[in-house]
């Protein structure tokens, strides 16, 4: 495989991939659909997942089993925030386990959190990555490297 191009930190790729947890619950998959294209290092794929791709060649298919710390990190209880319900966007339909998008006070950055609990006055929002704390099965098939 030395004569075939290999994925490097700056490669542009076409690939199929899937992410599932240990129980087999699939969160995303391009298999059976159109492949994804991505620029390594651009933030399109988590850096921990990109590291798995380094050195692979076109035509290779691999399954990586990643511990939580090697995937999306451990679940951090400090990223759970109790927020006054009145501070949530007023036009938003609130539902437990829905994603809420927030904008920083300066309006320059947006970030998301999952609504985990909702009471009359307060909401519990989880700002961890949805897959934090989970062992991940990352399957990839490299189609092309440009």
N, C-alpha and C. Protein backbone atom coordinates (compact mmCIF):
# COMPACT_ATOMS: atom_id res chain seq x y z
N UNK A 1 0.80 -1.19 0.00
CA UNK A 1 0.00 0.00 0.00
C UNK A 1 0.85 1.26 0.00
N UNK A 2 2.14 1.09 0.03
CA UNK A 2 3.03 2.24 0.07
C UNK A 2 2.92 3.08 -1.19
N UNK A 3 2.51 2.48 -2.32
CA UNK A 3 2.42 3.23 -3.57
C UNK A 3 1.10 3.99 -3.69
N UNK A 4 0.14 3.72 -2.80
CA UNK A 4 -1.13 4.44 -2.83
C UNK A 4 -1.08 5.61 -1.87
N UNK A 5 -1.76 6.71 -2.23
CA UNK A 5 -1.76 7.85 -1.29
C UNK A 5 -2.41 7.46 0.03
N UNK A 6 -1.90 8.03 1.09
CA UNK A 6 -2.44 7.78 2.43
C UNK A 6 -3.00 9.07 2.99
N UNK A 7 -3.97 8.91 3.88
CA UNK A 7 -4.57 10.07 4.54
C UNK A 7 -3.51 10.76 5.39
N UNK A 8 -3.41 12.07 5.19
CA UNK A 8 -2.51 12.91 5.98
C UNK A 8 -3.34 13.99 6.66
N UNK A 9 -2.70 14.76 7.53
CA UNK A 9 -3.40 15.78 8.31
C UNK A 9 -4.07 16.85 7.45
N UNK A 10 -3.59 17.05 6.21
CA UNK A 10 -4.15 18.09 5.35
C UNK A 10 -4.95 17.52 4.16
N UNK A 11 -5.18 16.21 4.15
CA UNK A 11 -5.86 15.56 3.02
C UNK A 11 -7.31 16.01 2.88
N UNK A 12 -7.78 15.95 1.65
CA UNK A 12 -9.19 16.13 1.32
C UNK A 12 -9.67 14.74 0.94
N UNK A 13 -10.75 14.25 1.56
CA UNK A 13 -11.18 12.86 1.39
C UNK A 13 -12.63 12.73 0.96
N UNK A 14 -12.89 11.61 0.36
CA UNK A 14 -14.26 11.11 0.16
C UNK A 14 -14.30 9.79 0.91
N UNK A 15 -15.32 9.61 1.76
CA UNK A 15 -15.39 8.41 2.58
C UNK A 15 -16.80 8.12 3.01
N UNK A 16 -17.01 6.88 3.41
CA UNK A 16 -18.22 6.50 4.13
C UNK A 16 -17.80 6.32 5.58
N UNK A 17 -18.70 6.68 6.49
CA UNK A 17 -18.41 6.44 7.91
C UNK A 17 -19.70 6.26 8.68
N UNK A 18 -19.56 5.62 9.83
CA UNK A 18 -20.69 5.50 10.74
C UNK A 18 -20.17 5.61 12.17
N UNK A 19 -21.04 6.11 13.05
CA UNK A 19 -20.76 6.20 14.47
C UNK A 19 -21.88 5.49 15.20
N UNK A 20 -21.52 4.56 16.06
CA UNK A 20 -22.50 3.83 16.86
C UNK A 20 -21.93 3.67 18.26
N UNK A 21 -22.81 3.40 19.22
CA UNK A 21 -22.31 3.12 20.56
C UNK A 21 -22.14 1.61 20.72
N UNK A 22 -21.70 1.18 21.90
CA UNK A 22 -21.44 -0.24 22.14
C UNK A 22 -22.70 -1.09 22.01
N UNK A 23 -23.86 -0.50 22.27
CA UNK A 23 -25.12 -1.24 22.17
C UNK A 23 -25.58 -1.39 20.73
N UNK A 24 -24.86 -0.76 19.78
CA UNK A 24 -25.23 -0.84 18.38
C UNK A 24 -26.15 0.27 17.91
N UNK A 25 -26.50 1.20 18.79
CA UNK A 25 -27.32 2.33 18.37
C UNK A 25 -26.49 3.20 17.45
N UNK A 26 -26.96 3.34 16.22
CA UNK A 26 -26.23 4.12 15.22
C UNK A 26 -26.68 5.57 15.29
N UNK A 27 -25.72 6.49 15.35
CA UNK A 27 -26.03 7.91 15.44
C UNK A 27 -25.93 8.61 14.10
N UNK A 28 -25.01 8.16 13.28
CA UNK A 28 -24.87 8.73 11.94
C UNK A 28 -24.22 7.68 11.06
N UNK A 29 -24.63 7.65 9.81
CA UNK A 29 -24.01 6.73 8.85
C UNK A 29 -24.23 7.26 7.44
N UNK A 30 -23.17 7.19 6.64
CA UNK A 30 -23.30 7.52 5.22
C UNK A 30 -23.36 6.25 4.38
N UNK A 31 -23.12 5.09 4.99
CA UNK A 31 -23.19 3.83 4.24
C UNK A 31 -24.62 3.67 3.72
N UNK A 32 -24.76 3.33 2.46
CA UNK A 32 -26.08 3.21 1.86
C UNK A 32 -26.60 4.53 1.31
N UNK A 33 -25.86 5.61 1.54
CA UNK A 33 -26.22 6.94 1.05
C UNK A 33 -25.04 7.49 0.27
N UNK A 34 -25.05 8.75 0.00
CA UNK A 34 -23.91 9.38 -0.66
C UNK A 34 -22.74 9.47 0.32
N UNK A 35 -21.53 9.27 -0.16
CA UNK A 35 -20.38 9.40 0.73
C UNK A 35 -20.18 10.85 1.16
N UNK A 36 -19.43 11.01 2.22
CA UNK A 36 -19.09 12.35 2.72
C UNK A 36 -17.77 12.79 2.10
N UNK A 37 -17.60 14.09 1.99
CA UNK A 37 -16.31 14.65 1.62
C UNK A 37 -15.91 15.58 2.75
N UNK A 38 -14.63 15.57 3.07
CA UNK A 38 -14.18 16.45 4.14
C UNK A 38 -12.73 16.83 3.97
N UNK A 39 -12.41 17.98 4.50
CA UNK A 39 -11.04 18.48 4.55
C UNK A 39 -10.52 18.18 5.95
N UNK A 40 -9.49 17.36 6.04
CA UNK A 40 -8.91 17.05 7.35
C UNK A 40 -8.47 18.36 8.02
N UNK A 41 -8.68 18.44 9.32
CA UNK A 41 -8.26 19.60 10.08
C UNK A 41 -9.21 20.78 10.02
N UNK A 42 -10.33 20.65 9.31
CA UNK A 42 -11.24 21.79 9.17
C UNK A 42 -12.34 21.82 10.23
N UNK A 43 -12.39 20.79 11.07
CA UNK A 43 -13.43 20.75 12.09
C UNK A 43 -14.69 20.03 11.65
N UNK A 44 -14.72 19.50 10.44
CA UNK A 44 -15.89 18.75 9.97
C UNK A 44 -16.05 17.43 10.72
N UNK A 45 -14.95 16.88 11.18
CA UNK A 45 -14.95 15.63 11.93
C UNK A 45 -14.14 15.87 13.19
N UNK A 46 -14.55 15.29 14.29
CA UNK A 46 -13.84 15.48 15.56
C UNK A 46 -12.37 15.09 15.40
N UNK A 47 -11.46 15.86 16.00
CA UNK A 47 -10.02 15.55 15.89
C UNK A 47 -9.69 14.13 16.31
N UNK A 48 -10.37 13.61 17.34
CA UNK A 48 -10.08 12.25 17.78
C UNK A 48 -10.44 11.24 16.69
N UNK A 49 -11.48 11.52 15.91
CA UNK A 49 -11.85 10.62 14.81
C UNK A 49 -10.91 10.81 13.63
N UNK A 50 -10.51 12.04 13.37
CA UNK A 50 -9.56 12.29 12.28
C UNK A 50 -8.26 11.52 12.51
N UNK A 51 -7.80 11.46 13.76
CA UNK A 51 -6.54 10.75 14.05
C UNK A 51 -6.63 9.28 13.63
N UNK A 52 -7.81 8.70 13.71
CA UNK A 52 -7.98 7.29 13.30
C UNK A 52 -7.72 7.13 11.80
N UNK A 53 -7.97 8.18 11.02
CA UNK A 53 -7.87 8.09 9.57
C UNK A 53 -6.44 8.23 9.04
N UNK A 54 -5.57 8.86 9.81
CA UNK A 54 -4.20 9.11 9.37
C UNK A 54 -3.53 7.78 9.00
N UNK A 55 -2.97 7.73 7.80
CA UNK A 55 -2.25 6.54 7.34
C UNK A 55 -3.09 5.55 6.55
N UNK A 56 -4.42 5.72 6.55
CA UNK A 56 -5.26 4.82 5.75
C UNK A 56 -5.14 5.17 4.27
N UNK A 57 -5.38 4.19 3.41
CA UNK A 57 -5.32 4.39 1.96
C UNK A 57 -6.70 4.22 1.35
N UNK A 58 -6.87 4.75 0.16
CA UNK A 58 -8.13 4.59 -0.57
C UNK A 58 -8.44 3.11 -0.73
N UNK A 59 -9.68 2.75 -0.52
CA UNK A 59 -10.11 1.36 -0.62
C UNK A 59 -10.10 0.62 0.71
N UNK A 60 -9.49 1.19 1.72
CA UNK A 60 -9.44 0.53 3.03
C UNK A 60 -10.72 0.77 3.81
N UNK A 61 -11.12 -0.26 4.55
CA UNK A 61 -12.27 -0.15 5.44
C UNK A 61 -11.83 -0.67 6.81
N UNK A 62 -12.10 0.13 7.85
CA UNK A 62 -11.68 -0.22 9.21
C UNK A 62 -12.79 0.08 10.20
N UNK A 63 -12.75 -0.65 11.30
CA UNK A 63 -13.63 -0.37 12.44
C UNK A 63 -12.72 -0.05 13.61
N UNK A 64 -12.96 1.10 14.23
CA UNK A 64 -12.21 1.53 15.40
C UNK A 64 -13.15 1.50 16.60
N UNK A 65 -12.73 0.85 17.67
CA UNK A 65 -13.50 0.82 18.91
C UNK A 65 -12.80 1.78 19.87
N UNK A 66 -13.49 2.85 20.21
CA UNK A 66 -12.89 3.93 20.99
C UNK A 66 -13.52 4.05 22.37
N UNK A 67 -12.69 4.09 23.40
CA UNK A 67 -13.17 4.35 24.76
C UNK A 67 -13.67 5.79 24.80
N UNK A 68 -14.53 6.11 25.76
CA UNK A 68 -15.05 7.49 25.83
C UNK A 68 -13.96 8.56 25.78
N UNK A 69 -12.89 8.37 26.52
CA UNK A 69 -11.81 9.38 26.54
C UNK A 69 -11.15 9.54 25.18
N UNK A 70 -11.19 8.50 24.34
CA UNK A 70 -10.57 8.55 23.02
C UNK A 70 -11.55 8.96 21.93
N UNK A 71 -12.82 9.14 22.29
CA UNK A 71 -13.84 9.51 21.30
C UNK A 71 -14.28 10.95 21.55
N UNK A 72 -15.31 11.15 22.35
CA UNK A 72 -15.85 12.48 22.59
C UNK A 72 -15.66 12.93 24.04
N UNK A 73 -14.81 12.22 24.76
CA UNK A 73 -14.50 12.59 26.14
C UNK A 73 -15.50 12.02 27.13
N UNK A 74 -15.12 12.10 28.38
CA UNK A 74 -16.00 11.66 29.46
C UNK A 74 -17.11 12.70 29.65
N UNK A 75 -18.23 12.26 30.17
CA UNK A 75 -19.32 13.20 30.48
C UNK A 75 -18.87 14.07 31.65
N UNK A 76 -18.93 15.38 31.48
CA UNK A 76 -18.46 16.32 32.49
C UNK A 76 -19.66 16.94 33.21
N UNK A 77 -19.88 16.59 34.48
CA UNK A 77 -21.03 17.13 35.20
C UNK A 77 -21.00 18.66 35.34
N UNK A 78 -19.82 19.26 35.20
CA UNK A 78 -19.73 20.72 35.27
C UNK A 78 -20.35 21.40 34.04
N UNK A 79 -20.64 20.62 33.00
CA UNK A 79 -21.26 21.18 31.80
C UNK A 79 -22.78 21.05 31.83
N UNK A 80 -23.33 20.69 32.98
CA UNK A 80 -24.78 20.71 33.19
C UNK A 80 -25.12 22.04 33.85
N UNK A 81 -26.03 22.78 33.27
CA UNK A 81 -26.38 24.11 33.77
C UNK A 81 -27.86 24.21 34.06
N UNK A 82 -28.19 24.72 35.23
CA UNK A 82 -29.59 25.05 35.53
C UNK A 82 -29.78 26.50 35.09
N UNK A 83 -30.76 26.69 34.24
CA UNK A 83 -31.01 28.00 33.64
C UNK A 83 -32.46 28.39 33.92
N UNK A 84 -32.66 29.66 34.22
CA UNK A 84 -34.03 30.15 34.41
C UNK A 84 -34.78 29.98 33.09
N UNK A 85 -35.97 29.46 33.17
CA UNK A 85 -36.77 29.24 31.96
C UNK A 85 -36.95 30.54 31.18
N UNK A 86 -37.02 31.65 31.90
CA UNK A 86 -37.19 32.96 31.25
C UNK A 86 -35.96 33.36 30.42
N UNK A 87 -34.80 32.73 30.67
CA UNK A 87 -33.59 33.04 29.91
C UNK A 87 -33.50 32.27 28.60
N UNK A 88 -34.40 31.32 28.39
CA UNK A 88 -34.41 30.54 27.15
C UNK A 88 -35.08 31.35 26.05
N UNK A 89 -34.72 31.09 24.80
CA UNK A 89 -35.34 31.83 23.70
C UNK A 89 -36.86 31.74 23.77
N UNK A 90 -37.56 32.88 23.76
CA UNK A 90 -39.00 32.90 23.98
C UNK A 90 -39.82 32.23 22.87
N UNK A 91 -39.31 32.22 21.67
CA UNK A 91 -40.07 31.65 20.55
C UNK A 91 -39.79 30.16 20.34
N UNK A 92 -39.07 29.55 21.25
CA UNK A 92 -38.65 28.16 21.12
C UNK A 92 -39.66 27.22 21.76
N UNK A 93 -40.04 26.18 21.02
CA UNK A 93 -40.89 25.14 21.60
C UNK A 93 -39.97 24.22 22.39
N UNK A 94 -40.20 24.13 23.70
CA UNK A 94 -39.32 23.39 24.58
C UNK A 94 -39.80 21.96 24.75
N UNK A 95 -38.88 21.01 24.54
CA UNK A 95 -39.18 19.59 24.73
C UNK A 95 -37.93 18.93 25.31
N UNK A 96 -38.11 18.10 26.32
CA UNK A 96 -36.99 17.39 26.93
C UNK A 96 -36.26 16.58 25.85
N UNK A 97 -34.93 16.59 25.93
CA UNK A 97 -34.01 15.93 24.99
C UNK A 97 -33.95 16.60 23.63
N UNK A 98 -34.42 17.83 23.54
CA UNK A 98 -34.27 18.58 22.30
C UNK A 98 -33.02 19.46 22.39
N UNK A 99 -32.51 19.82 21.26
CA UNK A 99 -31.31 20.64 21.16
C UNK A 99 -31.73 22.11 21.17
N UNK A 100 -31.05 22.90 21.99
CA UNK A 100 -31.32 24.33 22.06
C UNK A 100 -30.04 25.05 21.65
N UNK A 101 -30.17 26.00 20.75
CA UNK A 101 -29.01 26.78 20.32
C UNK A 101 -28.99 28.10 21.07
N UNK A 102 -27.81 28.44 21.59
CA UNK A 102 -27.61 29.67 22.34
C UNK A 102 -26.60 30.53 21.60
N UNK A 103 -26.68 31.84 21.82
CA UNK A 103 -25.71 32.77 21.27
C UNK A 103 -24.98 33.43 22.43
N UNK A 104 -23.68 33.59 22.28
CA UNK A 104 -22.89 34.23 23.34
C UNK A 104 -23.38 35.67 23.53
N UNK A 105 -23.11 36.25 24.71
CA UNK A 105 -23.56 37.62 24.97
C UNK A 105 -23.09 38.63 23.93
N UNK A 106 -21.90 38.40 23.34
CA UNK A 106 -21.41 39.34 22.33
C UNK A 106 -21.99 39.06 20.94
N UNK A 107 -22.78 37.97 20.83
CA UNK A 107 -23.43 37.64 19.55
C UNK A 107 -22.51 37.04 18.52
N UNK A 108 -21.26 36.78 18.88
CA UNK A 108 -20.28 36.29 17.91
C UNK A 108 -20.22 34.77 17.79
N UNK A 109 -20.63 34.06 18.83
CA UNK A 109 -20.48 32.61 18.87
C UNK A 109 -21.82 31.97 19.21
N UNK A 110 -22.07 30.83 18.59
CA UNK A 110 -23.26 30.08 18.99
C UNK A 110 -22.80 28.71 19.49
N UNK A 111 -23.59 28.14 20.38
CA UNK A 111 -23.29 26.83 20.94
C UNK A 111 -24.61 26.17 21.27
N UNK A 112 -24.58 24.87 21.42
CA UNK A 112 -25.82 24.12 21.62
C UNK A 112 -25.75 23.30 22.90
N UNK A 113 -26.92 23.04 23.44
CA UNK A 113 -27.05 22.19 24.62
C UNK A 113 -28.34 21.40 24.51
N UNK A 114 -28.37 20.27 25.20
CA UNK A 114 -29.57 19.43 25.21
C UNK A 114 -30.39 19.74 26.45
N UNK A 115 -31.67 19.95 26.24
CA UNK A 115 -32.59 20.19 27.34
C UNK A 115 -32.88 18.85 28.00
N UNK A 116 -32.40 18.66 29.24
CA UNK A 116 -32.55 17.37 29.92
C UNK A 116 -33.73 17.34 30.88
N UNK A 117 -34.05 18.48 31.51
CA UNK A 117 -35.19 18.56 32.43
C UNK A 117 -35.83 19.93 32.25
N UNK A 118 -37.13 19.98 32.50
CA UNK A 118 -37.86 21.23 32.38
C UNK A 118 -38.90 21.29 33.48
N UNK A 119 -38.87 22.38 34.26
CA UNK A 119 -39.90 22.59 35.29
C UNK A 119 -40.55 23.93 34.99
N UNK A 120 -41.42 24.35 35.86
CA UNK A 120 -42.12 25.61 35.65
C UNK A 120 -41.18 26.80 35.56
N UNK A 121 -40.12 26.82 36.36
CA UNK A 121 -39.24 27.98 36.43
C UNK A 121 -37.83 27.75 35.88
N UNK A 122 -37.40 26.48 35.80
CA UNK A 122 -36.01 26.20 35.46
C UNK A 122 -35.89 25.11 34.40
N UNK A 123 -34.73 25.12 33.78
CA UNK A 123 -34.40 24.09 32.79
C UNK A 123 -32.99 23.58 33.11
N UNK A 124 -32.77 22.29 32.91
CA UNK A 124 -31.44 21.71 33.04
C UNK A 124 -30.94 21.45 31.62
N UNK A 125 -29.82 22.12 31.28
CA UNK A 125 -29.26 22.01 29.93
C UNK A 125 -27.90 21.35 30.04
N UNK A 126 -27.66 20.37 29.17
CA UNK A 126 -26.41 19.61 29.14
C UNK A 126 -25.59 20.10 27.94
N UNK A 127 -24.44 20.71 28.24
CA UNK A 127 -23.58 21.23 27.18
C UNK A 127 -22.47 20.25 26.78
N UNK A 128 -22.51 19.02 27.28
CA UNK A 128 -21.59 17.98 26.84
C UNK A 128 -21.94 17.58 25.40
N UNK A 129 -20.95 17.05 24.68
CA UNK A 129 -21.25 16.47 23.38
C UNK A 129 -22.24 15.33 23.62
N UNK A 130 -23.21 15.13 22.74
CA UNK A 130 -24.21 14.06 22.96
C UNK A 130 -23.61 12.67 23.13
N UNK A 131 -22.41 12.44 22.59
CA UNK A 131 -21.78 11.13 22.71
C UNK A 131 -20.71 11.09 23.80
N UNK A 132 -20.59 12.16 24.58
CA UNK A 132 -19.62 12.16 25.69
C UNK A 132 -19.98 11.06 26.68
N UNK A 133 -18.95 10.38 27.16
CA UNK A 133 -19.15 9.31 28.13
C UNK A 133 -19.50 7.97 27.51
N UNK A 134 -19.57 7.90 26.19
CA UNK A 134 -19.93 6.65 25.52
C UNK A 134 -18.74 6.08 24.77
N UNK A 135 -18.58 4.77 24.84
CA UNK A 135 -17.62 4.09 23.97
C UNK A 135 -18.23 4.08 22.57
N UNK A 136 -17.40 4.29 21.56
CA UNK A 136 -17.88 4.49 20.20
C UNK A 136 -17.29 3.45 19.25
N UNK A 137 -18.13 3.01 18.34
CA UNK A 137 -17.69 2.17 17.21
C UNK A 137 -17.67 3.08 15.99
N UNK A 138 -16.49 3.36 15.47
CA UNK A 138 -16.29 4.26 14.33
C UNK A 138 -15.85 3.42 13.15
N UNK A 139 -16.71 3.29 12.15
CA UNK A 139 -16.39 2.51 10.95
C UNK A 139 -16.17 3.45 9.79
N UNK A 140 -15.10 3.24 9.05
CA UNK A 140 -14.78 4.09 7.91
C UNK A 140 -14.39 3.26 6.71
N UNK A 141 -14.74 3.79 5.55
CA UNK A 141 -14.26 3.26 4.27
C UNK A 141 -13.75 4.44 3.47
N UNK A 142 -12.44 4.46 3.21
CA UNK A 142 -11.85 5.55 2.46
C UNK A 142 -12.08 5.27 0.97
N UNK A 143 -12.76 6.20 0.30
CA UNK A 143 -13.07 6.03 -1.12
C UNK A 143 -11.99 6.70 -1.97
N UNK A 144 -11.66 7.93 -1.64
CA UNK A 144 -10.66 8.66 -2.43
C UNK A 144 -9.93 9.65 -1.53
N UNK A 145 -8.67 9.90 -1.89
CA UNK A 145 -7.84 10.89 -1.20
C UNK A 145 -7.34 11.86 -2.27
N UNK A 146 -7.59 13.14 -2.06
CA UNK A 146 -7.15 14.13 -3.04
C UNK A 146 -6.13 15.06 -2.46
